[in-house]
Structures are given as structure tokens and as C-alpha cells.
N, C-alpha and C. Protein backbone atom coordinates (compact mmCIF):
# COMPACT_ATOMS: atom_id res chain seq x y z
N MET A 1 33.66 -2.91 -2.66
CA MET A 1 32.42 -2.96 -2.89
C MET A 1 31.90 -1.87 -3.38
N ALA A 2 31.24 -2.88 -4.67
CA ALA A 2 30.67 -1.48 -5.55
C ALA A 2 29.16 -2.42 -5.25
N PHE A 3 28.18 -1.02 -5.40
CA PHE A 3 26.81 -1.38 -5.47
C PHE A 3 25.87 -1.41 -6.26
N PRO A 4 25.38 -2.51 -6.30
CA PRO A 4 24.52 -2.30 -8.17
C PRO A 4 23.93 -1.47 -8.26
N THR A 5 24.32 -0.84 -9.94
CA THR A 5 23.77 0.49 -10.39
C THR A 5 22.26 0.08 -11.02
N LYS A 6 21.09 0.93 -10.53
CA LYS A 6 19.55 1.07 -10.37
C LYS A 6 18.64 1.80 -10.89
N THR A 7 18.08 1.69 -12.35
CA THR A 7 17.17 3.44 -12.72
C THR A 7 15.88 3.53 -12.35
N CYS A 8 15.60 5.15 -11.49
CA CYS A 8 15.32 4.91 -10.74
C CYS A 8 13.19 4.73 -11.60
N VAL A 9 12.31 4.25 -11.46
CA VAL A 9 11.39 3.61 -12.29
C VAL A 9 10.43 5.40 -12.14
N VAL A 10 10.53 6.41 -11.18
CA VAL A 10 9.69 7.15 -11.21
C VAL A 10 10.25 8.89 -12.55
N CYS A 11 11.45 8.73 -11.85
CA CYS A 11 12.38 9.88 -12.48
C CYS A 11 13.13 9.27 -13.57
N GLU A 12 13.57 7.86 -13.44
CA GLU A 12 14.65 7.61 -14.42
C GLU A 12 16.15 8.22 -14.78
N GLU A 13 16.47 8.57 -12.84
CA GLU A 13 17.41 8.63 -12.62
C GLU A 13 18.86 7.82 -12.42
N GLU A 14 19.50 7.67 -12.59
CA GLU A 14 20.27 6.60 -11.64
C GLU A 14 20.83 6.08 -10.81
N PHE A 15 21.60 5.61 -9.79
CA PHE A 15 21.25 5.82 -8.25
C PHE A 15 22.09 4.35 -7.82
N GLU A 16 23.12 3.98 -7.29
CA GLU A 16 23.43 2.87 -6.23
C GLU A 16 21.80 2.18 -5.40
N LEU A 17 21.93 0.77 -5.68
CA LEU A 17 21.03 0.52 -4.22
C LEU A 17 21.98 -0.02 -3.42
N LYS A 18 21.85 0.66 -2.10
CA LYS A 18 22.90 0.62 -1.00
C LYS A 18 21.42 -0.57 -0.42
N PRO A 19 22.63 -0.86 0.56
CA PRO A 19 22.20 -2.12 2.11
C PRO A 19 21.42 -0.80 3.19
N GLY A 20 19.91 -1.25 3.56
CA GLY A 20 18.95 0.15 4.48
C GLY A 20 18.89 0.82 3.41
N LYS A 21 18.52 1.19 2.26
CA LYS A 21 17.94 2.45 1.74
C LYS A 21 16.75 2.13 2.04
N PRO A 22 15.95 3.10 2.37
CA PRO A 22 14.70 3.07 2.60
C PRO A 22 13.77 3.80 1.57
N GLY A 23 12.51 2.85 1.44
CA GLY A 23 11.91 3.03 0.50
C GLY A 23 11.76 1.14 -0.48
N PHE A 24 11.71 1.69 -1.62
CA PHE A 24 11.23 0.56 -3.10
C PHE A 24 12.69 0.61 -3.72
N ALA A 25 13.24 -0.85 -3.88
CA ALA A 25 14.53 -1.25 -4.79
C ALA A 25 14.45 -0.90 -5.67
N ASN A 26 13.47 -0.47 -6.58
CA ASN A 26 13.48 -0.22 -8.21
C ASN A 26 13.38 1.70 -7.87
N ARG A 27 13.22 2.56 -6.82
CA ARG A 27 12.78 4.12 -6.84
C ARG A 27 14.44 4.45 -6.04
N CYS A 28 14.80 5.56 -6.44
CA CYS A 28 15.91 6.94 -5.92
C CYS A 28 15.10 6.77 -3.99
N PRO A 29 16.49 6.76 -3.71
CA PRO A 29 15.84 7.56 -2.63
C PRO A 29 14.66 9.06 -1.95
N GLU A 30 15.27 9.74 -3.36
CA GLU A 30 14.35 11.16 -3.46
C GLU A 30 13.05 10.84 -3.68
N CYS A 31 12.61 9.86 -3.84
CA CYS A 31 11.15 9.25 -5.16
C CYS A 31 11.00 8.41 -3.91
N SER A 32 11.26 7.82 -3.01
CA SER A 32 11.11 7.04 -1.78
C SER A 32 10.77 8.16 -0.92
N THR A 33 11.63 8.62 -0.21
CA THR A 33 10.88 9.15 0.72
C THR A 33 9.62 10.48 -0.17
N SER A 34 9.43 10.75 -1.24
CA SER A 34 8.24 11.72 -1.20
C SER A 34 7.31 10.93 -1.71
N ASP A 35 7.02 9.35 -1.39
CA ASP A 35 5.64 8.85 -1.62
C ASP A 35 5.64 8.76 0.22
N SER A 36 6.45 8.16 0.97
CA SER A 36 6.68 7.67 2.21
C SER A 36 5.86 9.52 3.20
N ARG A 37 6.14 11.05 2.80
CA ARG A 37 5.56 11.92 3.17
C ARG A 37 3.74 11.73 3.21
N ASP A 38 3.61 11.22 1.41
CA ASP A 38 2.34 11.24 1.31
C ASP A 38 1.42 11.01 1.22
N ALA A 39 1.43 9.71 2.10
CA ALA A 39 0.81 8.27 2.52
C ALA A 39 0.52 9.60 3.91
N GLY A 40 0.68 9.69 4.87
CA GLY A 40 0.66 10.48 5.72
C GLY A 40 -0.14 11.75 6.45
N ASN A 41 -1.00 12.18 4.76
CA ASN A 41 -2.00 12.96 4.62
C ASN A 41 -3.79 12.28 4.29
N SER A 42 -3.37 11.20 4.93
CA SER A 42 -5.13 10.46 5.05
C SER A 42 -6.34 11.25 5.80
N LYS A 43 -6.59 11.21 4.90
CA LYS A 43 -8.59 12.62 5.19
C LYS A 43 -8.89 11.79 6.67
N LYS A 44 -9.19 11.83 8.01
CA LYS A 44 -9.57 11.01 9.09
C LYS A 44 -11.29 11.38 8.78
N MET A 45 -11.60 10.11 9.69
CA MET A 45 -12.92 9.76 9.24
C MET A 45 -13.43 10.36 10.71
N ASP A 46 -14.99 10.27 10.50
CA ASP A 46 -15.91 10.68 11.62
C ASP A 46 -16.42 9.21 12.23
N ALA A 47 -16.82 9.54 13.33
CA ALA A 47 -17.38 7.85 14.11
C ALA A 47 -19.08 7.14 12.87
N GLU A 48 -19.88 8.11 12.43
CA GLU A 48 -20.70 7.65 10.92
C GLU A 48 -19.89 7.00 9.77
N GLU A 49 -18.59 7.31 9.24
CA GLU A 49 -18.24 6.89 8.17
C GLU A 49 -17.11 5.59 8.96
N ARG A 50 -16.78 5.39 10.04
CA ARG A 50 -15.81 4.60 10.57
C ARG A 50 -17.45 3.54 10.58
N LYS A 51 -18.90 3.35 11.33
CA LYS A 51 -19.56 2.33 10.80
C LYS A 51 -20.43 2.23 10.13
N SER A 52 -20.49 2.98 9.49
CA SER A 52 -21.10 2.47 7.47
C SER A 52 -19.71 1.43 6.66
N ILE A 53 -18.94 2.07 6.70
CA ILE A 53 -17.57 1.16 6.80
C ILE A 53 -17.54 -0.39 6.74
N ALA A 54 -17.89 -0.26 7.92
CA ALA A 54 -17.70 -1.34 9.02
C ALA A 54 -18.81 -2.37 9.15
N GLU A 55 -20.13 -1.50 8.74
CA GLU A 55 -21.48 -2.46 8.11
C GLU A 55 -21.38 -2.55 6.50
N ALA A 56 -21.08 -2.23 6.27
CA ALA A 56 -20.59 -2.53 4.57
C ALA A 56 -19.11 -3.59 4.67
N ASN A 57 -18.77 -4.15 5.49
CA ASN A 57 -17.43 -4.97 6.05
C ASN A 57 -17.90 -5.94 6.46
N GLU A 58 -18.92 -6.28 6.95
CA GLU A 58 -19.85 -6.81 8.10
C GLU A 58 -20.47 -7.62 7.11
N ALA A 59 -21.41 -7.02 5.73
CA ALA A 59 -22.10 -7.77 4.86
C ALA A 59 -21.63 -8.79 4.23
N ARG A 60 -20.17 -8.01 3.39
CA ARG A 60 -19.08 -8.26 2.70
C ARG A 60 -18.78 -9.98 3.52
N ARG A 61 -18.32 -9.71 4.56
CA ARG A 61 -18.01 -10.85 4.90
C ARG A 61 -18.88 -11.95 5.10
N ASP A 62 -20.41 -11.50 5.57
CA ASP A 62 -21.71 -12.76 5.23
C ASP A 62 -21.42 -13.14 4.09
N ALA A 63 -21.76 -11.85 3.15
CA ALA A 63 -22.11 -12.79 1.77
C ALA A 63 -21.03 -13.70 1.47
N MET A 64 -19.53 -13.29 1.69
CA MET A 64 -19.09 -14.59 1.12
C MET A 64 -19.27 -16.12 1.89
N ARG A 65 -19.35 -15.27 3.36
CA ARG A 65 -19.34 -16.86 4.10
C ARG A 65 -20.72 -17.87 3.46
N ASN A 66 -22.05 -17.11 3.29
CA ASN A 66 -22.67 -17.57 2.42
C ASN A 66 -22.43 -18.38 0.75
N LEU A 67 -21.84 -17.28 0.49
CA LEU A 67 -21.50 -18.24 -0.97
C LEU A 67 -20.35 -19.31 -0.74
N LEU A 68 -19.27 -19.71 0.49
CA LEU A 68 -18.54 -20.47 0.64
C LEU A 68 -19.26 -21.46 1.09
N TYR A 69 -19.39 -21.33 2.21
CA TYR A 69 -20.49 -22.50 3.06
C TYR A 69 -21.64 -23.06 2.98
N ARG A 70 -22.88 -22.77 1.74
CA ARG A 70 -24.06 -22.89 2.02
C ARG A 70 -24.02 -23.99 1.41
N LYS A 71 -25.18 -25.40 1.49
CA LYS A 71 -25.22 -25.85 1.21
C LYS A 71 -25.82 -26.50 -0.30
N ASP A 72 -25.10 -27.61 -1.64
CA ASP A 72 -26.38 -27.55 -1.79
C ASP A 72 -27.09 -28.21 -1.90
N SER A 73 -28.26 -28.33 -2.81
CA SER A 73 -29.66 -29.53 -2.44
C SER A 73 -29.62 -30.16 -3.26
């Protein structure tokens, strides 16, 4: 059984799309694995940054709740 041949959107190389291939269906295995390694290099946040992000998210939720559920008189 022949596998479909696809062209990678990153490096424009042709590759066979096989079942169980890691990554995206429009990227070759080499380009898919390089993206997964880059995603693990996220910056660690300290407690103050996490608290400020949580407060901002709470303010967003409150604003959306007020916009969605306020009664027009």
C-alpha cells in the first residue's frame, strides 16, 4: 500500500504521510520534531507574575460577564 505524498509547508520537501507520524499532517517529521522541542523552552514565571496574570484574567471575566448579562433598563 502506497502512502500519500505530501509537501512540507516549512521546508517544501516531499514526504510520505504515514499513520502514527508525530506532528502535523502538512509538515515532514524533521520539521514537526523541531517545533515540539521549541515549545518546551517556555520561561518560568514567579509568583508575582502568576498573580498579576490571574488578576487580569479575573478582570476580563468580570467585564465579559457584565457585558453579557447586564439588564438594559
